[in-house]
């Protein structure tokens, strides 16, 4: 009989848009550790200000994720997959909307210069 080597582990992903993965292969539970932050090698991140959204399939898994998250940030929130998806959508919209505005502004300026 093959021993379950995953028995003491929690399977965690870091996506804002993927739901909580359920799986009997992970009896300790599964979870999500989603930092709401765009990362860049050019930007220094102040982790204490980064919101971290958590979700877990078991209370003990959530407790462990909270413990880890609070080592990084003071903005830690447990939520379900739907709530996290809405946070992700809002973050993507806020980040990309400003980029779209820059492109529109450039277009306006190019037209103004060519008049």
PDB file of N, CA and C in Angstrom:
ATOM      1  N   UNK A   1       0.842  -1.179   0.000  1.00  0.00           N
ATOM      2  CA  UNK A   1       0.000   0.000   0.000  1.00  0.00           C
ATOM      3  C   UNK A   1       0.890   1.246   0.000  1.00  0.00           C
ATOM      4  N   UNK A   2       0.586   2.167  -0.896  1.00  0.00           N
ATOM      5  CA  UNK A   2       1.369   3.388  -1.024  1.00  0.00           C
ATOM      6  C   UNK A   2       0.961   4.381   0.064  1.00  0.00           C
ATOM      7  N   UNK A   3       1.958   4.923   0.750  1.00  0.00           N
ATOM      8  CA  UNK A   3       1.706   5.904   1.795  1.00  0.00           C
ATOM      9  C   UNK A   3       1.371   7.259   1.168  1.00  0.00           C
ATOM     10  N   UNK A   4       0.383   7.957   1.724  1.00  0.00           N
ATOM     11  CA  UNK A   4       0.016   9.280   1.236  1.00  0.00           C
ATOM     12  C   UNK A   4       1.053  10.284   1.728  1.00  0.00           C
ATOM     13  N   UNK A   5       1.919  10.716   0.843  1.00  0.00           N
ATOM     14  CA  UNK A   5       2.991  11.634   1.220  1.00  0.00           C
ATOM     15  C   UNK A   5       2.491  13.064   1.372  1.00  0.00           C
ATOM     16  N   UNK A   6       1.248  13.339   0.989  1.00  0.00           N
ATOM     17  CA  UNK A   6       0.697  14.688   1.062  1.00  0.00           C
ATOM     18  C   UNK A   6      -0.121  14.909   2.340  1.00  0.00           C
ATOM     19  N   UNK A   7      -0.157  13.928   3.215  1.00  0.00           N
ATOM     20  CA  UNK A   7      -1.030  13.976   4.380  1.00  0.00           C
ATOM     21  C   UNK A   7      -0.780  15.168   5.290  1.00  0.00           C
ATOM     22  N   UNK A   8       0.453  15.643   5.390  1.00  0.00           N
ATOM     23  CA  UNK A   8       0.750  16.745   6.293  1.00  0.00           C
ATOM     24  C   UNK A   8       0.836  18.097   5.620  1.00  0.00           C
ATOM     25  N   UNK A   9       0.420  18.198   4.376  1.00  0.00           N
ATOM     26  CA  UNK A   9       0.578  19.434   3.620  1.00  0.00           C
ATOM     27  C   UNK A   9      -0.756  20.067   3.259  1.00  0.00           C
ATOM     28  N   UNK A  10      -0.720  21.380   3.116  1.00  0.00           N
ATOM     29  CA  UNK A  10      -1.868  22.121   2.595  1.00  0.00           C
ATOM     30  C   UNK A  10      -1.485  22.581   1.196  1.00  0.00           C
ATOM     31  N   UNK A  11      -2.314  22.285   0.215  1.00  0.00           N
ATOM     32  CA  UNK A  11      -2.062  22.729  -1.154  1.00  0.00           C
ATOM     33  C   UNK A  11      -2.642  24.137  -1.289  1.00  0.00           C
ATOM     34  N   UNK A  12      -1.788  25.102  -1.656  1.00  0.00           N
ATOM     35  CA  UNK A  12      -2.200  26.505  -1.721  1.00  0.00           C
ATOM     36  C   UNK A  12      -1.823  27.093  -3.075  1.00  0.00           C
ATOM     37  N   UNK A  13      -2.725  27.872  -3.667  1.00  0.00           N
ATOM     38  CA  UNK A  13      -2.374  28.647  -4.856  1.00  0.00           C
ATOM     39  C   UNK A  13      -2.534  30.131  -4.539  1.00  0.00           C
ATOM     40  N   UNK A  14      -2.027  30.978  -5.423  1.00  0.00           N
ATOM     41  CA  UNK A  14      -1.976  32.425  -5.165  1.00  0.00           C
ATOM     42  C   UNK A  14      -2.757  33.240  -6.185  1.00  0.00           C
ATOM     43  N   UNK A  15      -3.761  32.670  -6.796  1.00  0.00           N
ATOM     44  CA  UNK A  15      -4.507  33.351  -7.846  1.00  0.00           C
ATOM     45  C   UNK A  15      -5.729  34.076  -7.291  1.00  0.00           C
ATOM     46  N   UNK A  16      -6.014  35.217  -7.879  1.00  0.00           N
ATOM     47  CA  UNK A  16      -7.226  35.927  -7.514  1.00  0.00           C
ATOM     48  C   UNK A  16      -8.446  35.438  -8.269  1.00  0.00           C
ATOM     49  N   UNK A  17      -8.218  34.775  -9.402  1.00  0.00           N
ATOM     50  CA  UNK A  17      -9.343  34.409 -10.263  1.00  0.00           C
ATOM     51  C   UNK A  17      -9.674  32.918 -10.282  1.00  0.00           C
ATOM     52  N   UNK A  18      -8.872  32.105  -9.646  1.00  0.00           N
ATOM     53  CA  UNK A  18      -9.131  30.655  -9.624  1.00  0.00           C
ATOM     54  C   UNK A  18      -9.771  30.294  -8.287  1.00  0.00           C
ATOM     55  N   UNK A  19     -10.833  29.503  -8.349  1.00  0.00           N
ATOM     56  CA  UNK A  19     -11.541  29.106  -7.144  1.00  0.00           C
ATOM     57  C   UNK A  19     -10.713  28.194  -6.254  1.00  0.00           C
ATOM     58  N   UNK A  20     -11.229  27.943  -5.083  1.00  0.00           N
ATOM     59  CA  UNK A  20     -10.598  27.042  -4.128  1.00  0.00           C
ATOM     60  C   UNK A  20     -10.587  25.636  -4.691  1.00  0.00           C
ATOM     61  N   UNK A  21      -9.436  25.005  -4.690  1.00  0.00           N
ATOM     62  CA  UNK A  21      -9.304  23.634  -5.193  1.00  0.00           C
ATOM     63  C   UNK A  21      -9.668  22.679  -4.075  1.00  0.00           C
ATOM     64  N   UNK A  22     -10.579  21.784  -4.360  1.00  0.00           N
ATOM     65  CA  UNK A  22     -10.941  20.755  -3.388  1.00  0.00           C
ATOM     66  C   UNK A  22     -10.234  19.471  -3.776  1.00  0.00           C
ATOM     67  N   UNK A  23      -9.806  18.721  -2.793  1.00  0.00           N
ATOM     68  CA  UNK A  23      -9.136  17.480  -3.147  1.00  0.00           C
ATOM     69  C   UNK A  23      -8.924  16.565  -1.971  1.00  0.00           C
ATOM     70  N   UNK A  24      -9.338  15.316  -2.132  1.00  0.00           N
ATOM     71  CA  UNK A  24      -9.163  14.305  -1.092  1.00  0.00           C
ATOM     72  C   UNK A  24      -7.688  13.969  -0.897  1.00  0.00           C
ATOM     73  N   UNK A  25      -6.855  14.281  -1.886  1.00  0.00           N
ATOM     74  CA  UNK A  25      -5.421  13.999  -1.786  1.00  0.00           C
ATOM     75  C   UNK A  25      -4.758  14.893  -0.743  1.00  0.00           C
ATOM     76  N   UNK A  26      -5.451  15.932  -0.303  1.00  0.00           N
ATOM     77  CA  UNK A  26      -4.892  16.857   0.679  1.00  0.00           C
ATOM     78  C   UNK A  26      -5.798  16.897   1.910  1.00  0.00           C
ATOM     79  N   UNK A  27      -5.681  15.901   2.777  1.00  0.00           N
ATOM     80  CA  UNK A  27      -6.574  15.820   3.932  1.00  0.00           C
ATOM     81  C   UNK A  27      -6.428  16.991   4.906  1.00  0.00           C
ATOM     82  N   UNK A  28      -5.299  17.707   4.878  1.00  0.00           N
ATOM     83  CA  UNK A  28      -5.117  18.885   5.741  1.00  0.00           C
ATOM     84  C   UNK A  28      -5.801  20.109   5.146  1.00  0.00           C
ATOM     85  N   UNK A  29      -6.215  19.988   3.889  1.00  0.00           N
ATOM     86  CA  UNK A  29      -6.960  21.065   3.263  1.00  0.00           C
ATOM     87  C   UNK A  29      -6.226  21.722   2.112  1.00  0.00           C
ATOM     88  N   UNK A  30      -6.945  22.609   1.475  1.00  0.00           N
ATOM     89  CA  UNK A  30      -6.409  23.413   0.382  1.00  0.00           C
ATOM     90  C   UNK A  30      -6.693  24.874   0.715  1.00  0.00           C
ATOM     91  N   UNK A  31      -5.978  25.766   0.034  1.00  0.00           N
ATOM     92  CA  UNK A  31      -6.191  27.166   0.343  1.00  0.00           C
ATOM     93  C   UNK A  31      -5.753  28.093  -0.770  1.00  0.00           C
ATOM     94  N   UNK A  32      -6.027  29.374  -0.539  1.00  0.00           N
ATOM     95  CA  UNK A  32      -5.637  30.433  -1.454  1.00  0.00           C
ATOM     96  C   UNK A  32      -4.969  31.526  -0.626  1.00  0.00           C
ATOM     97  N   UNK A  33      -3.817  31.985  -1.107  1.00  0.00           N
ATOM     98  CA  UNK A  33      -3.054  33.075  -0.500  1.00  0.00           C
ATOM     99  C   UNK A  33      -2.858  34.090  -1.626  1.00  0.00           C
ATOM    100  N   UNK A  34      -3.767  35.073  -1.724  1.00  0.00           N
ATOM    101  CA  UNK A  34      -3.789  35.994  -2.852  1.00  0.00           C
ATOM    102  C   UNK A  34      -3.401  37.406  -2.420  1.00  0.00           C
ATOM    103  N   UNK A  35      -2.153  37.817  -2.698  1.00  0.00           N
ATOM    104  CA  UNK A  35      -1.778  39.208  -2.442  1.00  0.00           C
ATOM    105  C   UNK A  35      -2.308  40.089  -3.574  1.00  0.00           C
ATOM    106  N   UNK A  36      -3.052  41.123  -3.225  1.00  0.00           N
ATOM    107  CA  UNK A  36      -3.634  42.018  -4.226  1.00  0.00           C
ATOM    108  C   UNK A  36      -2.580  43.073  -4.553  1.00  0.00           C
ATOM    109  N   UNK A  37      -1.696  42.709  -5.481  1.00  0.00           N
ATOM    110  CA  UNK A  37      -0.553  43.551  -5.788  1.00  0.00           C
ATOM    111  C   UNK A  37      -0.011  43.201  -7.163  1.00  0.00           C
ATOM    112  N   UNK A  38       0.299  44.210  -7.945  1.00  0.00           N
ATOM    113  CA  UNK A  38       1.033  44.001  -9.191  1.00  0.00           C
ATOM    114  C   UNK A  38       2.512  44.014  -8.830  1.00  0.00           C
ATOM    115  N   UNK A  39       3.232  43.027  -9.311  1.00  0.00           N
ATOM    116  CA  UNK A  39       4.649  42.927  -8.979  1.00  0.00           C
ATOM    117  C   UNK A  39       5.503  43.334 -10.166  1.00  0.00           C
ATOM    118  N   UNK A  40       6.590  44.000  -9.874  1.00  0.00           N
ATOM    119  CA  UNK A  40       7.540  44.439 -10.884  1.00  0.00           C
ATOM    120  C   UNK A  40       8.923  44.450 -10.251  1.00  0.00           C
ATOM    121  N   UNK A  41       9.921  44.110 -11.038  1.00  0.00           N
ATOM    122  CA  UNK A  41      11.288  44.141 -10.514  1.00  0.00           C
ATOM    123  C   UNK A  41      11.734  45.576 -10.233  1.00  0.00           C
ATOM    124  N   UNK A  42      11.015  46.554 -10.793  1.00  0.00           N
ATOM    125  CA  UNK A  42      11.383  47.957 -10.622  1.00  0.00           C
ATOM    126  C   UNK A  42      10.745  48.603  -9.389  1.00  0.00           C
ATOM    127  N   UNK A  43       9.748  47.951  -8.830  1.00  0.00           N
ATOM    128  CA  UNK A  43       9.043  48.523  -7.687  1.00  0.00           C
ATOM    129  C   UNK A  43       9.372  47.778  -6.399  1.00  0.00           C
ATOM    130  N   UNK A  44       9.649  48.541  -5.354  1.00  0.00           N
ATOM    131  CA  UNK A  44       9.839  47.945  -4.043  1.00  0.00           C
ATOM    132  C   UNK A  44       8.466  47.860  -3.376  1.00  0.00           C
ATOM    133  N   UNK A  45       8.135  46.704  -2.883  1.00  0.00           N
ATOM    134  CA  UNK A  45       6.812  46.472  -2.298  1.00  0.00           C
ATOM    135  C   UNK A  45       6.884  46.605  -0.781  1.00  0.00           C
ATOM    136  N   UNK A  46       5.998  47.427  -0.233  1.00  0.00           N
ATOM    137  CA  UNK A  46       5.840  47.516   1.209  1.00  0.00           C
ATOM    138  C   UNK A  46       4.770  46.492   1.608  1.00  0.00           C
ATOM    139  N   UNK A  47       5.224  45.303   1.951  1.00  0.00           N
ATOM    140  CA  UNK A  47       4.305  44.198   2.221  1.00  0.00           C
ATOM    141  C   UNK A  47       3.328  44.490   3.353  1.00  0.00           C
ATOM    142  N   UNK A  48       3.684  45.377   4.257  1.00  0.00           N
ATOM    143  CA  UNK A  48       2.764  45.663   5.365  1.00  0.00           C
ATOM    144  C   UNK A  48       1.482  46.330   4.867  1.00  0.00           C
ATOM    145  N   UNK A  49       1.538  46.924   3.662  1.00  0.00           N
ATOM    146  CA  UNK A  49       0.384  47.610   3.089  1.00  0.00           C
ATOM    147  C   UNK A  49      -0.342  46.793   2.013  1.00  0.00           C
ATOM    148  N   UNK A  50       0.172  45.628   1.679  1.00  0.00           N
ATOM    149  CA  UNK A  50      -0.439  44.810   0.621  1.00  0.00           C
ATOM    150  C   UNK A  50      -1.605  44.010   1.207  1.00  0.00           C
ATOM    151  N   UNK A  51      -2.821  44.203   0.680  1.00  0.00           N
ATOM    152  CA  UNK A  51      -3.935  43.377   1.137  1.00  0.00           C
ATOM    153  C   UNK A  51      -3.711  41.918   0.716  1.00  0.00           C
ATOM    154  N   UNK A  52      -3.947  41.011   1.634  1.00  0.00           N
ATOM    155  CA  UNK A  52      -3.831  39.588   1.331  1.00  0.00           C
ATOM    156  C   UNK A  52      -5.179  38.934   1.592  1.00  0.00           C
ATOM    157  N   UNK A  53      -5.729  38.318   0.554  1.00  0.00           N
ATOM    158  CA  UNK A  53      -7.016  37.635   0.638  1.00  0.00           C
ATOM    159  C   UNK A  53      -6.756  36.144   0.831  1.00  0.00           C
ATOM    160  N   UNK A  54      -7.461  35.566   1.775  1.00  0.00           N
ATOM    161  CA  UNK A  54      -7.264  34.153   2.101  1.00  0.00           C
ATOM    162  C   UNK A  54      -8.565  33.381   1.979  1.00  0.00           C
ATOM    163  N   UNK A  55      -8.411  32.108   1.641  1.00  0.00           N
ATOM    164  CA  UNK A  55      -9.534  31.176   1.633  1.00  0.00           C
ATOM    165  C   UNK A  55      -8.969  29.795   1.906  1.00  0.00           C
ATOM    166  N   UNK A  56      -9.707  28.976   2.615  1.00  0.00           N
ATOM    167  CA  UNK A  56      -9.241  27.619   2.897  1.00  0.00           C
ATOM    168  C   UNK A  56     -10.422  26.674   3.045  1.00  0.00           C
ATOM    169  N   UNK A  57     -10.147  25.421   2.767  1.00  0.00           N
ATOM    170  CA  UNK A  57     -11.196  24.410   2.841  1.00  0.00           C
ATOM    171  C   UNK A  57     -11.423  23.895   4.257  1.00  0.00           C
ATOM    172  N   UNK A  58     -10.467  24.113   5.159  1.00  0.00           N
ATOM    173  CA  UNK A  58     -10.578  23.659   6.542  1.00  0.00           C
ATOM    174  C   UNK A  58     -10.181  24.802   7.479  1.00  0.00           C
ATOM    175  N   UNK A  59     -10.823  24.893   8.647  1.00  0.00           N
ATOM    176  CA  UNK A  59     -10.484  25.960   9.596  1.00  0.00           C
ATOM    177  C   UNK A  59      -9.006  25.977  10.008  1.00  0.00           C
ATOM    178  N   UNK A  60      -8.399  24.812  10.195  1.00  0.00           N
ATOM    179  CA  UNK A  60      -6.982  24.776  10.591  1.00  0.00           C
ATOM    180  C   UNK A  60      -6.086  25.302   9.467  1.00  0.00           C
ATOM    181  N   UNK A  61      -6.450  25.012   8.233  1.00  0.00           N
ATOM    182  CA  UNK A  61      -5.686  25.525   7.095  1.00  0.00           C
ATOM    183  C   UNK A  61      -5.797  27.045   7.048  1.00  0.00           C
ATOM    184  N   UNK A  62      -6.996  27.577   7.273  1.00  0.00           N
ATOM    185  CA  UNK A  62      -7.189  29.030   7.280  1.00  0.00           C
ATOM    186  C   UNK A  62      -6.395  29.668   8.411  1.00  0.00           C
ATOM    187  N   UNK A  63      -6.393  29.044   9.555  1.00  0.00           N
ATOM    188  CA  UNK A  63      -5.641  29.553  10.706  1.00  0.00           C
ATOM    189  C   UNK A  63      -4.148  29.653  10.369  1.00  0.00           C
ATOM    190  N   UNK A  64      -3.596  28.639   9.724  1.00  0.00           N
ATOM    191  CA  UNK A  64      -2.187  28.655   9.341  1.00  0.00           C
ATOM    192  C   UNK A  64      -1.906  29.741   8.296  1.00  0.00           C
ATOM    193  N   UNK A  65      -2.781  29.863   7.295  1.00  0.00           N
ATOM    194  CA  UNK A  65      -2.604  30.903   6.280  1.00  0.00           C
ATOM    195  C   UNK A  65      -2.656  32.294   6.893  1.00  0.00           C
ATOM    196  N   UNK A  66      -3.560  32.505   7.852  1.00  0.00           N
ATOM    197  CA  UNK A  66      -3.647  33.810   8.528  1.00  0.00           C
ATOM    198  C   UNK A  66      -2.358  34.116   9.281  1.00  0.00           C
ATOM    199  N   UNK A  67      -1.836  33.105   9.936  1.00  0.00           N
ATOM    200  CA  UNK A  67      -0.598  33.280  10.694  1.00  0.00           C
ATOM    201  C   UNK A  67       0.546  33.717   9.772  1.00  0.00           C
ATOM    202  N   UNK A  68       0.651  33.077   8.626  1.00  0.00           N
ATOM    203  CA  UNK A  68       1.696  33.420   7.658  1.00  0.00           C
ATOM    204  C   UNK A  68       1.447  34.815   7.073  1.00  0.00           C
ATOM    205  N   UNK A  69       0.216  35.081   6.673  1.00  0.00           N
ATOM    206  CA  UNK A  69      -0.118  36.368   6.052  1.00  0.00           C
ATOM    207  C   UNK A  69       0.155  37.534   6.992  1.00  0.00           C
ATOM    208  N   UNK A  70      -0.145  37.353   8.274  1.00  0.00           N
ATOM    209  CA  UNK A  70       0.054  38.442   9.239  1.00  0.00           C
ATOM    210  C   UNK A  70       1.525  38.716   9.515  1.00  0.00           C
ATOM    211  N   UNK A  71       2.405  37.791   9.128  1.00  0.00           N
ATOM    212  CA  UNK A  71       3.844  38.060   9.211  1.00  0.00           C
ATOM    213  C   UNK A  71       4.264  39.072   8.138  1.00  0.00           C
ATOM    214  N   UNK A  72       3.484  39.143   7.058  1.00  0.00           N
ATOM    215  CA  UNK A  72       3.796  40.025   5.941  1.00  0.00           C
ATOM    216  C   UNK A  72       2.995  41.321   5.953  1.00  0.00           C
ATOM    217  N   UNK A  73       1.708  41.218   6.229  1.00  0.00           N
ATOM    218  CA  UNK A  73       0.807  42.348   6.037  1.00  0.00           C
ATOM    219  C   UNK A  73      -0.104  42.558   7.240  1.00  0.00           C
ATOM    220  N   UNK A  74      -0.523  43.807   7.400  1.00  0.00           N
ATOM    221  CA  UNK A  74      -1.518  44.075   8.437  1.00  0.00           C
ATOM    222  C   UNK A  74      -2.927  44.124   7.843  1.00  0.00           C
ATOM    223  N   UNK A  75      -3.016  43.845   6.538  1.00  0.00           N
ATOM    224  CA  UNK A  75      -4.302  43.875   5.829  1.00  0.00           C
ATOM    225  C   UNK A  75      -4.642  42.473   5.323  1.00  0.00           C
ATOM    226  N   UNK A  76      -5.131  41.637   6.210  1.00  0.00           N
ATOM    227  CA  UNK A  76      -5.410  40.236   5.904  1.00  0.00           C
ATOM    228  C   UNK A  76      -6.908  39.996   6.045  1.00  0.00           C
ATOM    229  N   UNK A  77      -7.521  39.415   5.000  1.00  0.00           N
ATOM    230  CA  UNK A  77      -8.965  39.182   5.004  1.00  0.00           C
ATOM    231  C   UNK A  77      -9.286  37.799   4.457  1.00  0.00           C
ATOM    232  N   UNK A  78     -10.109  37.068   5.192  1.00  0.00           N
ATOM    233  CA  UNK A  78     -10.611  35.785   4.698  1.00  0.00           C
ATOM    234  C   UNK A  78     -11.869  36.066   3.885  1.00  0.00           C
ATOM    235  N   UNK A  79     -11.992  35.374   2.758  1.00  0.00           N
ATOM    236  CA  UNK A  79     -13.168  35.550   1.905  1.00  0.00           C
ATOM    237  C   UNK A  79     -13.399  34.300   1.080  1.00  0.00           C
ATOM    238  N   UNK A  80     -14.536  34.232   0.424  1.00  0.00           N
ATOM    239  CA  UNK A  80     -14.819  33.073  -0.424  1.00  0.00           C
ATOM    240  C   UNK A  80     -14.338  33.343  -1.856  1.00  0.00           C
ATOM    241  N   UNK A  81     -14.438  32.336  -2.699  1.00  0.00           N
ATOM    242  CA  UNK A  81     -13.918  32.438  -4.069  1.00  0.00           C
ATOM    243  C   UNK A  81     -14.599  33.541  -4.869  1.00  0.00           C
ATOM    244  N   UNK A  82     -15.891  33.702  -4.699  1.00  0.00           N
ATOM    245  CA  UNK A  82     -16.617  34.743  -5.450  1.00  0.00           C
ATOM    246  C   UNK A  82     -16.163  36.141  -5.027  1.00  0.00           C
ATOM    247  N   UNK A  83     -16.032  36.344  -3.725  1.00  0.00           N
ATOM    248  CA  UNK A  83     -15.568  37.646  -3.238  1.00  0.00           C
ATOM    249  C   UNK A  83     -14.158  37.942  -3.761  1.00  0.00           C
ATOM    250  N   UNK A  84     -13.293  36.925  -3.721  1.00  0.00           N
ATOM    251  CA  UNK A  84     -11.918  37.103  -4.194  1.00  0.00           C
ATOM    252  C   UNK A  84     -11.893  37.421  -5.676  1.00  0.00           C
ATOM    253  N   UNK A  85     -12.748  36.779  -6.448  1.00  0.00           N
ATOM    254  CA  UNK A  85     -12.837  37.070  -7.883  1.00  0.00           C
ATOM    255  C   UNK A  85     -13.239  38.527  -8.111  1.00  0.00           C
ATOM    256  N   UNK A  86     -14.161  39.037  -7.311  1.00  0.00           N
ATOM    257  CA  UNK A  86     -14.590  40.430  -7.446  1.00  0.00           C
ATOM    258  C   UNK A  86     -13.452  41.379  -7.070  1.00  0.00           C
ATOM    259  N   UNK A  87     -12.688  41.054  -6.034  1.00  0.00           N
ATOM    260  CA  UNK A  87     -11.529  41.873  -5.659  1.00  0.00           C
ATOM    261  C   UNK A  87     -10.525  41.875  -6.809  1.00  0.00           C
ATOM    262  N   UNK A  88     -10.279  40.701  -7.385  1.00  0.00           N
ATOM    263  CA  UNK A  88      -9.340  40.587  -8.507  1.00  0.00           C
ATOM    264  C   UNK A  88      -9.821  41.416  -9.703  1.00  0.00           C
ATOM    265  N   UNK A  89     -11.094  41.324 -10.021  1.00  0.00           N
ATOM    266  CA  UNK A  89     -11.662  42.082 -11.136  1.00  0.00           C
ATOM    267  C   UNK A  89     -11.505  43.580 -10.897  1.00  0.00           C
ATOM    268  N   UNK A  90     -11.802  44.031  -9.684  1.00  0.00           N
ATOM    269  CA  UNK A  90     -11.658  45.457  -9.365  1.00  0.00           C
ATOM    270  C   UNK A  90     -10.200  45.902  -9.482  1.00  0.00           C
ATOM    271  N   UNK A  91      -9.277  45.072  -9.018  1.00  0.00           N
ATOM    272  CA  UNK A  91      -7.852  45.418  -9.088  1.00  0.00           C
ATOM    273  C   UNK A  91      -7.369  45.481 -10.534  1.00  0.00           C
ATOM    274  N   UNK A  92      -7.786  44.527 -11.335  1.00  0.00           N
ATOM    275  CA  UNK A  92      -7.399  44.525 -12.759  1.00  0.00           C
ATOM    276  C   UNK A  92      -7.983  45.749 -13.449  1.00  0.00           C
ATOM    277  N   UNK A  93      -9.242  46.064 -13.172  1.00  0.00           N
ATOM    278  CA  UNK A  93      -9.882  47.222 -13.775  1.00  0.00           C
ATOM    279  C   UNK A  93      -9.151  48.512 -13.375  1.00  0.00           C
ATOM    280  N   UNK A  94      -8.873  48.677 -12.089  1.00  0.00           N
ATOM    281  CA  UNK A  94      -8.211  49.894 -11.617  1.00  0.00           C
ATOM    282  C   UNK A  94      -6.827  50.033 -12.229  1.00  0.00           C
ATOM    283  N   UNK A  95      -6.090  48.960 -12.308  1.00  0.00           N
ATOM    284  CA  UNK A  95      -4.732  48.997 -12.850  1.00  0.00           C
ATOM    285  C   UNK A  95      -4.742  49.245 -14.359  1.00  0.00           C
ATOM    286  N   UNK A  96      -5.600  48.544 -15.087  1.00  0.00           N
ATOM    287  CA  UNK A  96      -5.613  48.649 -16.543  1.00  0.00           C
ATOM    288  C   UNK A  96      -6.350  49.887 -17.046  1.00  0.00           C
ATOM    289  N   UNK A  97      -7.312  50.391 -16.283  1.00  0.00           N
ATOM    290  CA  UNK A  97      -8.056  51.570 -16.712  1.00  0.00           C
ATOM    291  C   UNK A  97      -7.128  52.775 -16.820  1.00  0.00           C
ATOM    292  N   UNK A  98      -6.220  52.916 -15.859  1.00  0.00           N
ATOM    293  CA  UNK A  98      -5.285  54.048 -15.937  1.00  0.00           C
ATOM    294  C   UNK A  98      -4.369  53.905 -17.151  1.00  0.00           C
ATOM    295  N   UNK A  99      -3.961  52.688 -17.481  1.00  0.00           N
ATOM    296  CA  UNK A  99      -3.143  52.471 -18.683  1.00  0.00           C
ATOM    297  C   UNK A  99      -3.918  52.860 -19.944  1.00  0.00           C
ATOM    298  N   UNK A 100      -5.197  52.526 -19.990  1.00  0.00           N
ATOM    299  CA  UNK A 100      -6.035  52.897 -21.134  1.00  0.00           C
ATOM    300  C   UNK A 100      -6.158  54.419 -21.230  1.00  0.00           C
ATOM    301  N   UNK A 101      -6.264  55.092 -20.089  1.00  0.00           N
ATOM    302  CA  UNK A 101      -6.360  56.550 -20.094  1.00  0.00           C
ATOM    303  C   UNK A 101      -5.076  57.179 -20.639  1.00  0.00           C
ATOM    304  N   UNK A 102      -3.926  56.616 -20.295  1.00  0.00           N
ATOM    305  CA  UNK A 102      -2.656  57.126 -20.840  1.00  0.00           C
ATOM    306  C   UNK A 102      -2.636  56.987 -22.366  1.00  0.00           C
ATOM    307  N   UNK A 103      -3.125  55.874 -22.877  1.00  0.00           N
ATOM    308  CA  UNK A 103      -3.148  55.663 -24.326  1.00  0.00           C
ATOM    309  C   UNK A 103      -4.083  56.665 -25.002  1.00  0.00           C
ATOM    310  N   UNK A 104      -5.221  56.927 -24.399  1.00  0.00           N
ATOM    311  CA  UNK A 104      -6.162  57.913 -24.954  1.00  0.00           C
ATOM    312  C   UNK A 104      -5.536  59.302 -24.913  1.00  0.00           C
ATOM    313  N   UNK A 105      -4.885  59.646 -23.807  1.00  0.00           N
ATOM    314  CA  UNK A 105      -4.232  60.954 -23.693  1.00  0.00           C
ATOM    315  C   UNK A 105      -3.158  61.121 -24.765  1.00  0.00           C
ATOM    316  N   UNK A 106      -2.395  60.072 -25.010  1.00  0.00           N
ATOM    317  CA  UNK A 106      -1.368  60.137 -26.054  1.00  0.00           C
ATOM    318  C   UNK A 106      -2.004  60.380 -27.420  1.00  0.00           C
ATOM    319  N   UNK A 107      -3.098  59.697 -27.693  1.00  0.00           N
ATOM    320  CA  UNK A 107      -3.791  59.870 -28.962  1.00  0.00           C
ATOM    321  C   UNK A 107      -4.298  61.307 -29.126  1.00  0.00           C
ATOM    322  N   UNK A 108      -4.860  61.861 -28.059  1.00  0.00           N
ATOM    323  CA  UNK A 108      -5.351  63.243 -28.098  1.00  0.00           C
ATOM    324  C   UNK A 108      -4.198  64.204 -28.383  1.00  0.00           C
ATOM    325  N   UNK A 109      -3.071  63.995 -27.687  1.00  0.00           N
ATOM    326  CA  UNK A 109      -1.913  64.880 -27.884  1.00  0.00           C
ATOM    327  C   UNK A 109      -1.350  64.766 -29.295  1.00  0.00           C
ATOM    328  N   UNK A 110      -1.284  63.570 -29.837  1.00  0.00           N
ATOM    329  CA  UNK A 110      -0.774  63.385 -31.211  1.00  0.00           C
ATOM    330  C   UNK A 110      -1.689  64.118 -32.205  1.00  0.00           C
ATOM    331  N   UNK A 111      -2.988  64.038 -31.994  1.00  0.00           N
ATOM    332  CA  UNK A 111      -3.931  64.746 -32.883  1.00  0.00           C
ATOM    333  C   UNK A 111      -3.767  66.255 -32.739  1.00  0.00           C
ATOM    334  N   UNK A 112      -3.577  66.716 -31.507  1.00  0.00           N
ATOM    335  CA  UNK A 112      -3.419  68.160 -31.269  1.00  0.00           C
ATOM    336  C   UNK A 112      -2.149  68.686 -31.930  1.00  0.00           C
ATOM    337  N   UNK A 113      -1.083  67.911 -31.895  1.00  0.00           N
ATOM    338  CA  UNK A 113       0.188  68.335 -32.483  1.00  0.00           C
ATOM    339  C   UNK A 113       0.077  68.386 -34.001  1.00  0.00           C
ATOM    340  N   UNK A 114      -0.710  67.503 -34.575  1.00  0.00           N
ATOM    341  CA  UNK A 114      -0.814  67.457 -36.045  1.00  0.00           C
ATOM    342  C   UNK A 114      -1.803  68.486 -36.607  1.00  0.00           C
ATOM    343  N   UNK A 115      -2.505  69.220 -35.786  1.00  0.00           N
ATOM    344  CA  UNK A 115      -3.464  70.241 -36.270  1.00  0.00           C
ATOM    345  C   UNK A 115      -2.771  71.438 -36.849  1.00  0.00           C
TER     346      UNK A 115
END
